[in-house]
C-alpha atoms as a PDB file:
ATOM      1  CA  MET A   1     -24.318  10.828 -71.309  1.00  0.00           C
ATOM      2  CA  THR A   2     -23.361   7.752 -73.220  1.00  0.00           C
ATOM      3  CA  GLY A   3     -21.071   4.812 -72.475  1.00  0.00           C
ATOM      4  CA  LYS A   4     -21.730   2.090 -69.926  1.00  0.00           C
ATOM      5  CA  MET A   5     -24.067   3.237 -67.196  1.00  0.00           C
ATOM      6  CA  LYS A   6     -24.570   1.388 -63.920  1.00  0.00           C
ATOM      7  CA  VAL A   7     -28.077   0.349 -62.976  1.00  0.00           C
ATOM      8  CA  LEU A   8     -28.987  -1.092 -59.584  1.00  0.00           C
ATOM      9  CA  LEU A   9     -32.027  -3.432 -59.541  1.00  0.00           C
ATOM     10  CA  LEU A  10     -33.740  -3.833 -56.172  1.00  0.00           C
ATOM     11  CA  LYS A  11     -35.803  -6.913 -56.908  1.00  0.00           C
ATOM     12  CA  GLU A  12     -36.104 -10.641 -56.419  1.00  0.00           C
ATOM     13  CA  PRO A  13     -33.894 -12.978 -58.375  1.00  0.00           C
ATOM     14  CA  ARG A  14     -35.666 -15.184 -60.931  1.00  0.00           C
ATOM     15  CA  GLU A  15     -36.946 -18.583 -59.757  1.00  0.00           C
ATOM     16  CA  SER A  16     -34.629 -20.414 -62.181  1.00  0.00           C
ATOM     17  CA  GLU A  17     -31.183 -19.922 -60.683  1.00  0.00           C
ATOM     18  CA  ASN A  18     -29.361 -21.342 -63.710  1.00  0.00           C
ATOM     19  CA  GLU A  19     -30.025 -18.582 -66.226  1.00  0.00           C
ATOM     20  CA  ALA A  20     -29.180 -14.894 -66.124  1.00  0.00           C
ATOM     21  CA  ASP A  21     -31.872 -12.616 -64.829  1.00  0.00           C
ATOM     22  CA  PRO A  22     -33.854 -11.242 -67.836  1.00  0.00           C
ATOM     23  CA  TYR A  23     -33.619  -7.684 -66.479  1.00  0.00           C
ATOM     24  CA  ILE A  24     -29.845  -7.864 -66.356  1.00  0.00           C
ATOM     25  CA  LYS A  25     -29.796  -9.354 -69.883  1.00  0.00           C
ATOM     26  CA  GLU A  26     -32.105  -6.694 -71.359  1.00  0.00           C
ATOM     27  CA  LEU A  27     -30.168  -3.823 -69.760  1.00  0.00           C
ATOM     28  CA  ALA A  28     -26.866  -5.344 -70.979  1.00  0.00           C
ATOM     29  CA  SER A  29     -28.218  -5.438 -74.536  1.00  0.00           C
ATOM     30  CA  CYS A  30     -28.992  -1.709 -74.161  1.00  0.00           C
ATOM     31  CA  GLY A  31     -25.353  -1.173 -73.113  1.00  0.00           C
ATOM     32  CA  HIS A  32     -25.822  -0.882 -69.331  1.00  0.00           C
ATOM     33  CA  THR A  33     -24.179  -2.767 -66.493  1.00  0.00           C
ATOM     34  CA  ALA A  34     -26.877  -3.943 -64.078  1.00  0.00           C
ATOM     35  CA  ALA A  35     -26.492  -5.486 -60.638  1.00  0.00           C
ATOM     36  CA  LEU A  36     -29.302  -7.155 -58.707  1.00  0.00           C
ATOM     37  CA  ILE A  37     -29.790  -7.029 -54.942  1.00  0.00           C
ATOM     38  CA  PRO A  38     -32.640  -9.102 -53.494  1.00  0.00           C
ATOM     39  CA  VAL A  39     -34.890  -6.940 -51.279  1.00  0.00           C
ATOM     40  CA  LEU A  40     -37.383  -9.381 -49.802  1.00  0.00           C
ATOM     41  CA  SER A  41     -37.478 -12.842 -48.323  1.00  0.00           C
ATOM     42  CA  PHE A  42     -40.630 -14.903 -48.289  1.00  0.00           C
ATOM     43  CA  THR A  43     -41.967 -17.553 -45.984  1.00  0.00           C
ATOM     44  CA  PHE A  44     -44.999 -19.728 -46.764  1.00  0.00           C
ATOM     45  CA  VAL A  45     -47.784 -19.866 -44.167  1.00  0.00           C
ATOM     46  CA  SER A  46     -51.159 -21.644 -43.756  1.00  0.00           C
ATOM     47  CA  LEU A  47     -50.242 -24.404 -46.190  1.00  0.00           C
ATOM     48  CA  ASN A  48     -52.646 -26.861 -44.523  1.00  0.00           C
ATOM     49  CA  GLU A  49     -55.579 -24.487 -45.055  1.00  0.00           C
ATOM     50  CA  LEU A  50     -54.391 -23.919 -48.609  1.00  0.00           C
ATOM     51  CA  SER A  51     -54.245 -27.700 -49.304  1.00  0.00           C
ATOM     52  CA  GLU A  52     -57.695 -28.157 -47.906  1.00  0.00           C
ATOM     53  CA  ARG A  53     -59.164 -25.574 -50.274  1.00  0.00           C
ATOM     54  CA  LEU A  54     -57.221 -26.778 -53.308  1.00  0.00           C
ATOM     55  CA  PHE A  55     -58.763 -30.210 -52.939  1.00  0.00           C
ATOM     56  CA  GLN A  56     -62.312 -28.853 -52.626  1.00  0.00           C
ATOM     57  CA  PRO A  57     -62.851 -27.081 -55.929  1.00  0.00           C
ATOM     58  CA  GLU A  58     -66.614 -27.600 -55.557  1.00  0.00           C
ATOM     59  CA  ARG A  59     -66.564 -24.867 -52.831  1.00  0.00           C
ATOM     60  CA  PHE A  60     -65.384 -22.172 -55.223  1.00  0.00           C
ATOM     61  CA  GLY A  61     -66.288 -20.389 -58.435  1.00  0.00           C
ATOM     62  CA  GLY A  62     -62.663 -20.054 -59.568  1.00  0.00           C
ATOM     63  CA  LEU A  63     -59.125 -19.048 -58.578  1.00  0.00           C
ATOM     64  CA  ILE A  64     -57.241 -15.741 -58.572  1.00  0.00           C
ATOM     65  CA  PHE A  65     -53.415 -15.343 -58.555  1.00  0.00           C
ATOM     66  CA  THR A  66     -51.754 -11.928 -58.485  1.00  0.00           C
ATOM     67  CA  SER A  67     -48.178 -13.017 -57.659  1.00  0.00           C
ATOM     68  CA  PRO A  68     -45.717 -15.722 -58.543  1.00  0.00           C
ATOM     69  CA  ARG A  69     -45.200 -16.490 -54.826  1.00  0.00           C
ATOM     70  CA  ALA A  70     -48.859 -17.438 -54.345  1.00  0.00           C
ATOM     71  CA  VAL A  71     -48.524 -19.943 -57.192  1.00  0.00           C
ATOM     72  CA  GLU A  72     -45.330 -21.289 -55.611  1.00  0.00           C
ATOM     73  CA  ALA A  73     -47.209 -21.803 -52.340  1.00  0.00           C
ATOM     74  CA  VAL A  74     -49.741 -23.903 -54.268  1.00  0.00           C
ATOM     75  CA  LYS A  75     -46.956 -25.857 -55.949  1.00  0.00           C
ATOM     76  CA  THR A  76     -45.394 -26.536 -52.544  1.00  0.00           C
ATOM     77  CA  CYS A  77     -48.744 -27.982 -51.327  1.00  0.00           C
ATOM     78  CA  LEU A  78     -49.100 -30.113 -54.429  1.00  0.00           C
ATOM     79  CA  ASP A  79     -45.592 -31.576 -54.396  1.00  0.00           C
ATOM     80  CA  SER A  80     -46.718 -34.108 -51.792  1.00  0.00           C
ATOM     81  CA  HIS A  81     -50.132 -34.755 -53.376  1.00  0.00           C
ATOM     82  CA  THR A  82     -49.463 -35.176 -57.090  1.00  0.00           C
ATOM     83  CA  HIS A  83     -51.985 -38.003 -57.579  1.00  0.00           C
ATOM     84  CA  LYS A  84     -54.750 -36.103 -55.705  1.00  0.00           C
ATOM     85  CA  TRP A  85     -54.071 -32.988 -57.809  1.00  0.00           C
ATOM     86  CA  ALA A  86     -54.572 -34.932 -61.052  1.00  0.00           C
ATOM     87  CA  ALA A  87     -58.063 -35.761 -59.812  1.00  0.00           C
ATOM     88  CA  VAL A  88     -59.186 -32.169 -59.080  1.00  0.00           C
ATOM     89  CA  LYS A  89     -57.206 -30.241 -61.710  1.00  0.00           C
ATOM     90  CA  ASP A  90     -59.872 -30.675 -64.397  1.00  0.00           C
ATOM     91  CA  GLU A  91     -62.536 -29.436 -61.966  1.00  0.00           C
ATOM     92  CA  TRP A  92     -60.526 -26.213 -61.491  1.00  0.00           C
ATOM     93  CA  ASN A  93     -60.027 -25.922 -65.242  1.00  0.00           C
ATOM     94  CA  ALA A  94     -63.787 -26.024 -65.732  1.00  0.00           C
ATOM     95  CA  LYS A  95     -63.814 -22.762 -63.727  1.00  0.00           C
ATOM     96  CA  PRO A  96     -61.975 -19.483 -64.470  1.00  0.00           C
ATOM     97  CA  VAL A  97     -58.377 -19.301 -63.187  1.00  0.00           C
ATOM     98  CA  TYR A  98     -57.312 -15.635 -63.242  1.00  0.00           C
ATOM     99  CA  ALA A  99     -53.643 -14.590 -63.239  1.00  0.00           C
ATOM    100  CA  VAL A 100     -52.048 -11.110 -63.467  1.00  0.00           C
ATOM    101  CA  GLY A 101     -49.223 -10.809 -66.002  1.00  0.00           C
ATOM    102  CA  LYS A 102     -46.929 -13.176 -67.857  1.00  0.00           C
ATOM    103  CA  ALA A 103     -44.708 -14.412 -64.997  1.00  0.00           C
ATOM    104  CA  THR A 104     -47.622 -15.470 -62.795  1.00  0.00           C
ATOM    105  CA  ALA A 105     -49.587 -16.921 -65.734  1.00  0.00           C
ATOM    106  CA  SER A 106     -46.710 -19.112 -66.885  1.00  0.00           C
ATOM    107  CA  LEU A 107     -46.343 -20.582 -63.379  1.00  0.00           C
ATOM    108  CA  VAL A 108     -50.105 -21.217 -63.289  1.00  0.00           C
ATOM    109  CA  ALA A 109     -49.779 -23.029 -66.638  1.00  0.00           C
ATOM    110  CA  ASP A 110     -46.980 -25.179 -65.144  1.00  0.00           C
ATOM    111  CA  LEU A 111     -49.532 -26.443 -62.602  1.00  0.00           C
ATOM    112  CA  GLY A 112     -51.605 -27.712 -65.522  1.00  0.00           C
ATOM    113  CA  LEU A 113     -54.190 -24.909 -65.175  1.00  0.00           C
ATOM    114  CA  CYS A 114     -55.336 -22.600 -67.977  1.00  0.00           C
ATOM    115  CA  PRO A 115     -54.799 -18.990 -66.897  1.00  0.00           C
ATOM    116  CA  LEU A 116     -56.992 -16.068 -67.944  1.00  0.00           C
ATOM    117  CA  GLY A 117     -55.813 -12.477 -67.875  1.00  0.00           C
ATOM    118  CA  GLU A 118     -52.152 -12.917 -68.674  1.00  0.00           C
ATOM    119  CA  GLU A 119     -52.252  -9.666 -70.697  1.00  0.00           C
ATOM    120  CA  THR A 120     -53.658  -7.628 -67.764  1.00  0.00           C
ATOM    121  CA  GLY A 121     -50.383  -6.768 -65.963  1.00  0.00           C
ATOM    122  CA  THR A 122     -51.977  -5.047 -62.917  1.00  0.00           C
ATOM    123  CA  ALA A 123     -54.527  -5.973 -60.254  1.00  0.00           C
ATOM    124  CA  ASP A 124     -56.698  -3.047 -61.399  1.00  0.00           C
ATOM    125  CA  SER A 125     -57.032  -4.325 -64.920  1.00  0.00           C
ATOM    126  CA  LEU A 126     -57.447  -7.934 -63.747  1.00  0.00           C
ATOM    127  CA  SER A 127     -60.349  -6.860 -61.530  1.00  0.00           C
ATOM    128  CA  LEU A 128     -62.022  -5.266 -64.555  1.00  0.00           C
ATOM    129  CA  LEU A 129     -61.688  -8.556 -66.462  1.00  0.00           C
ATOM    130  CA  ILE A 130     -63.142 -10.502 -63.507  1.00  0.00           C
ATOM    131  CA  LEU A 131     -66.092  -8.078 -63.225  1.00  0.00           C
ATOM    132  CA  GLN A 132     -66.835  -8.467 -66.945  1.00  0.00           C
ATOM    133  CA  ARG A 133     -67.020 -12.234 -66.561  1.00  0.00           C
ATOM    134  CA  GLU A 134     -68.407 -12.873 -63.084  1.00  0.00           C
ATOM    135  CA  ASN A 135     -71.743 -12.143 -61.409  1.00  0.00           C
ATOM    136  CA  ARG A 136     -73.061 -12.090 -57.883  1.00  0.00           C
ATOM    137  CA  GLU A 137     -74.616 -15.530 -58.135  1.00  0.00           C
ATOM    138  CA  THR A 138     -71.323 -17.388 -58.358  1.00  0.00           C
ATOM    139  CA  LEU A 139     -69.590 -19.319 -55.601  1.00  0.00           C
ATOM    140  CA  PRO A 140     -66.758 -17.326 -54.021  1.00  0.00           C
ATOM    141  CA  LEU A 141     -63.549 -16.941 -56.008  1.00  0.00           C
ATOM    142  CA  PHE A 142     -60.546 -18.230 -54.032  1.00  0.00           C
ATOM    143  CA  PHE A 143     -57.630 -15.785 -53.790  1.00  0.00           C
ATOM    144  CA  PRO A 144     -54.396 -17.074 -52.176  1.00  0.00           C
ATOM    145  CA  CYS A 145     -52.205 -14.016 -51.608  1.00  0.00           C
ATOM    146  CA  GLY A 146     -49.390 -12.418 -49.614  1.00  0.00           C
ATOM    147  CA  SER A 147     -49.780 -10.920 -46.152  1.00  0.00           C
ATOM    148  CA  ILE A 148     -49.072  -7.431 -47.608  1.00  0.00           C
ATOM    149  CA  LYS A 149     -51.596  -7.353 -50.398  1.00  0.00           C
ATOM    150  CA  ARG A 150     -53.002  -4.268 -51.997  1.00  0.00           C
ATOM    151  CA  GLU A 151     -56.726  -3.869 -51.493  1.00  0.00           C
ATOM    152  CA  VAL A 152     -57.440  -2.897 -55.095  1.00  0.00           C
ATOM    153  CA  LEU A 153     -58.812  -6.243 -56.237  1.00  0.00           C
ATOM    154  CA  PRO A 154     -60.749  -7.250 -53.077  1.00  0.00           C
ATOM    155  CA  THR A 155     -62.307  -3.751 -52.927  1.00  0.00           C
ATOM    156  CA  ALA A 156     -63.376  -3.772 -56.581  1.00  0.00           C
ATOM    157  CA  LEU A 157     -64.988  -7.166 -56.196  1.00  0.00           C
ATOM    158  CA  ARG A 158     -66.642  -6.255 -52.906  1.00  0.00           C
ATOM    159  CA  HIS A 159     -68.124  -3.079 -54.397  1.00  0.00           C
ATOM    160  CA  ASN A 160     -69.628  -5.164 -57.179  1.00  0.00           C
ATOM    161  CA  ARG A 161     -70.741  -7.866 -54.755  1.00  0.00           C
ATOM    162  CA  VAL A 162     -68.666 -10.615 -56.360  1.00  0.00           C
ATOM    163  CA  PRO A 163     -67.953 -13.093 -53.528  1.00  0.00           C
ATOM    164  CA  LEU A 164     -64.278 -13.626 -52.654  1.00  0.00           C
ATOM    165  CA  GLU A 165     -62.383 -15.746 -50.142  1.00  0.00           C
ATOM    166  CA  THR A 166     -58.820 -14.661 -49.437  1.00  0.00           C
ATOM    167  CA  LEU A 167     -56.088 -16.663 -47.652  1.00  0.00           C
ATOM    168  CA  SER A 168     -52.600 -15.335 -46.796  1.00  0.00           C
ATOM    169  CA  VAL A 169     -50.212 -18.011 -47.972  1.00  0.00           C
ATOM    170  CA  TYR A 170     -46.887 -16.169 -47.706  1.00  0.00           C
ATOM    171  CA  GLN A 171     -45.351 -13.437 -45.564  1.00  0.00           C
ATOM    172  CA  THR A 172     -42.914 -10.856 -46.848  1.00  0.00           C
ATOM    173  CA  SER A 173     -40.026  -9.493 -44.813  1.00  0.00           C
ATOM    174  CA  GLU A 174     -36.821  -7.638 -45.476  1.00  0.00           C
ATOM    175  CA  HIS A 175     -34.028  -9.780 -46.927  1.00  0.00           C
ATOM    176  CA  PRO A 176     -31.570 -10.410 -44.066  1.00  0.00           C
ATOM    177  CA  ASP A 177     -28.513  -9.181 -46.073  1.00  0.00           C
ATOM    178  CA  LEU A 178     -30.208  -6.207 -47.737  1.00  0.00           C
ATOM    179  CA  GLN A 179     -28.514  -3.352 -45.826  1.00  0.00           C
ATOM    180  CA  LYS A 180     -25.053  -4.953 -46.083  1.00  0.00           C
ATOM    181  CA  ASN A 181     -25.430  -5.740 -49.821  1.00  0.00           C
ATOM    182  CA  ILE A 182     -26.519  -2.186 -50.696  1.00  0.00           C
ATOM    183  CA  THR A 183     -23.687  -0.690 -48.625  1.00  0.00           C
ATOM    184  CA  ASP A 184     -21.135  -3.003 -50.282  1.00  0.00           C
ATOM    185  CA  TYR A 185     -22.473  -2.084 -53.757  1.00  0.00           C
ATOM    186  CA  PHE A 186     -22.001   1.667 -53.082  1.00  0.00           C
ATOM    187  CA  THR A 187     -18.560   1.089 -51.568  1.00  0.00           C
ATOM    188  CA  GLN A 188     -17.384  -0.919 -54.584  1.00  0.00           C
ATOM    189  CA  GLN A 189     -19.299   0.602 -57.487  1.00  0.00           C
ATOM    190  CA  GLY A 190     -20.074   4.154 -56.350  1.00  0.00           C
ATOM    191  CA  VAL A 191     -23.417   5.878 -56.961  1.00  0.00           C
ATOM    192  CA  PRO A 192     -25.334   4.199 -59.859  1.00  0.00           C
ATOM    193  CA  ALA A 193     -26.811   6.202 -62.735  1.00  0.00           C
ATOM    194  CA  SER A 194     -30.194   4.587 -62.152  1.00  0.00           C
ATOM    195  CA  VAL A 195     -31.898   2.621 -59.381  1.00  0.00           C
ATOM    196  CA  ALA A 196     -34.953   0.517 -60.289  1.00  0.00           C
ATOM    197  CA  PHE A 197     -37.606  -0.484 -57.704  1.00  0.00           C
ATOM    198  CA  PHE A 198     -39.927  -3.433 -58.108  1.00  0.00           C
ATOM    199  CA  SER A 199     -42.326  -3.102 -55.177  1.00  0.00           C
ATOM    200  CA  PRO A 200     -43.615  -0.620 -52.641  1.00  0.00           C
ATOM    201  CA  SER A 201     -42.048  -2.700 -49.843  1.00  0.00           C
ATOM    202  CA  GLY A 202     -38.706  -2.408 -51.659  1.00  0.00           C
ATOM    203  CA  VAL A 203     -39.066   1.351 -51.441  1.00  0.00           C
ATOM    204  CA  THR A 204     -39.858   1.134 -47.695  1.00  0.00           C
ATOM    205  CA  PHE A 205     -36.866  -1.116 -46.916  1.00  0.00           C
ATOM    206  CA  CYS A 206     -34.207   0.593 -49.076  1.00  0.00           C
ATOM    207  CA  LEU A 207     -34.874   4.292 -49.335  1.00  0.00           C
ATOM    208  CA  ASP A 208     -33.327   5.693 -46.127  1.00  0.00           C
ATOM    209  CA  LEU A 209     -30.120   3.770 -46.712  1.00  0.00           C
ATOM    210  CA  LEU A 210     -29.950   4.887 -50.379  1.00  0.00           C
ATOM    211  CA  LYS A 211     -30.394   8.507 -49.359  1.00  0.00           C
ATOM    212  CA  ARG A 212     -27.654   8.191 -46.755  1.00  0.00           C
ATOM    213  CA  LEU A 213     -25.201   6.464 -49.087  1.00  0.00           C
ATOM    214  CA  SER A 214     -25.695   8.755 -52.073  1.00  0.00           C
ATOM    215  CA  GLY A 215     -25.722  11.982 -50.053  1.00  0.00           C
ATOM    216  CA  SER A 216     -25.642  15.066 -52.294  1.00  0.00           C
ATOM    217  CA  GLN A 217     -25.638  12.854 -55.398  1.00  0.00           C
ATOM    218  CA  LEU A 218     -29.207  11.630 -54.711  1.00  0.00           C
ATOM    219  CA  GLU A 219     -30.562  14.158 -57.197  1.00  0.00           C
ATOM    220  CA  GLN A 220     -28.421  12.691 -60.016  1.00  0.00           C
ATOM    221  CA  ILE A 221     -29.846   9.172 -59.663  1.00  0.00           C
ATOM    222  CA  LYS A 222     -32.612   8.413 -62.164  1.00  0.00           C
ATOM    223  CA  PHE A 223     -35.201   6.462 -60.194  1.00  0.00           C
ATOM    224  CA  ALA A 224     -37.175   3.865 -62.157  1.00  0.00           C
ATOM    225  CA  ALA A 225     -40.305   1.924 -61.221  1.00  0.00           C
ATOM    226  CA  ILE A 226     -41.646  -1.371 -62.558  1.00  0.00           C
ATOM    227  CA  GLY A 227     -45.228  -0.108 -62.413  1.00  0.00           C
ATOM    228  CA  PRO A 228     -47.600   2.598 -61.166  1.00  0.00           C
ATOM    229  CA  THR A 229     -47.940   1.289 -57.580  1.00  0.00           C
ATOM    230  CA  THR A 230     -44.183   1.314 -57.034  1.00  0.00           C
ATOM    231  CA  ALA A 231     -43.951   4.770 -58.686  1.00  0.00           C
ATOM    232  CA  ASP A 232     -46.604   6.073 -56.280  1.00  0.00           C
ATOM    233  CA  ALA A 233     -44.614   4.678 -53.345  1.00  0.00           C
ATOM    234  CA  LEU A 234     -41.466   6.526 -54.524  1.00  0.00           C
ATOM    235  CA  GLU A 235     -43.333   9.777 -55.060  1.00  0.00           C
ATOM    236  CA  SER A 236     -44.972   9.536 -51.638  1.00  0.00           C
ATOM    237  CA  HIS A 237     -41.404   9.553 -50.204  1.00  0.00           C
ATOM    238  CA  GLY A 238     -40.687  12.758 -52.126  1.00  0.00           C
ATOM    239  CA  LEU A 239     -38.622  11.282 -54.968  1.00  0.00           C
ATOM    240  CA  THR A 240     -38.925  12.135 -58.622  1.00  0.00           C
ATOM    241  CA  VAL A 241     -39.646   9.018 -60.712  1.00  0.00           C
ATOM    242  CA  ARG A 242     -37.758   9.480 -63.990  1.00  0.00           C
ATOM    243  CA  CYS A 243     -39.354   6.477 -65.686  1.00  0.00           C
ATOM    244  CA  CYS A 244     -41.933   3.784 -65.216  1.00  0.00           C
ATOM    245  CA  ALA A 245     -42.107   0.582 -67.311  1.00  0.00           C
ATOM    246  CA  GLU A 246     -45.076   0.639 -69.659  1.00  0.00           C
ATOM    247  CA  LYS A 247     -45.658  -3.022 -68.779  1.00  0.00           C
ATOM    248  CA  PRO A 248     -43.961  -5.028 -66.012  1.00  0.00           C
ATOM    249  CA  THR A 249     -41.477  -6.821 -68.279  1.00  0.00           C
ATOM    250  CA  ALA A 250     -37.648  -6.750 -68.589  1.00  0.00           C
ATOM    251  CA  LYS A 251     -37.842  -5.301 -72.096  1.00  0.00           C
ATOM    252  CA  HIS A 252     -40.208  -2.446 -71.169  1.00  0.00           C
ATOM    253  CA  LEU A 253     -38.157  -1.516 -68.116  1.00  0.00           C
ATOM    254  CA  ALA A 254     -34.831  -1.603 -70.010  1.00  0.00           C
ATOM    255  CA  THR A 255     -36.361   0.625 -72.727  1.00  0.00           C
ATOM    256  CA  ALA A 256     -37.650   3.126 -70.162  1.00  0.00           C
ATOM    257  CA  ILE A 257     -34.357   3.276 -68.246  1.00  0.00           C
ATOM    258  CA  THR A 258     -32.324   3.629 -71.488  1.00  0.00           C
ATOM    259  CA  ARG A 259     -34.526   6.551 -72.528  1.00  0.00           C
ATOM    260  CA  ALA A 260     -34.205   8.216 -69.111  1.00  0.00           C
ATOM    261  CA  LEU A 261     -30.405   7.902 -69.176  1.00  0.00           C
ATOM    262  CA  GLN A 262     -29.988   9.491 -72.585  1.00  0.00           C
END
């Protein structure tokens, strides 16, 4: 099939509201019409505890970030303490600051920190990098994360006895308009040629409704995943994943979807 194909993206909109989402842009340049429906909403929690730790870098051997939201939580804490941050920032930069993937790393850099591990892309490969660099003698690494975090990284570090202190700094829940927005999309646009998922929780929140709305056409939808964890979640619900982005970027996903739709 050629011609304009409809792609539904079940993801979070970009932080910068003023520019088009890069996934929509990349898919458009491949000739597809993409629409984005936000799946999750986030609330920050434990910001006092987070602040406390951020201003005591001497307690820790370094920092770990595996999501843009965790970095945003830090930024929220720092907004009211800019002068204090200037004083401790260099102390953090004397220690390793690990970040998974480009999006998270660029937000870490915006805080004035120097991220390591930008090229890793997954928690699995970031944990390998950390294990290459760290030993058991270090102070604990501080890991601000979401309430639904995968255990890959903590488990890998624990097995190798690298000390870690985690703190949940945001909670994830279903976006309040999710069901309505998906239903409206199907009513107005019909069944899309491809649906792309960006997180396991996206799969959990959307799948039953998608099955109901697409009915007998479910088999025709090419399901795409941003990465292996999300692909696993789709497969565990009995769906065939037609493509998975080689790396979690807009370009890689657009390439994979375009190939699957040909």
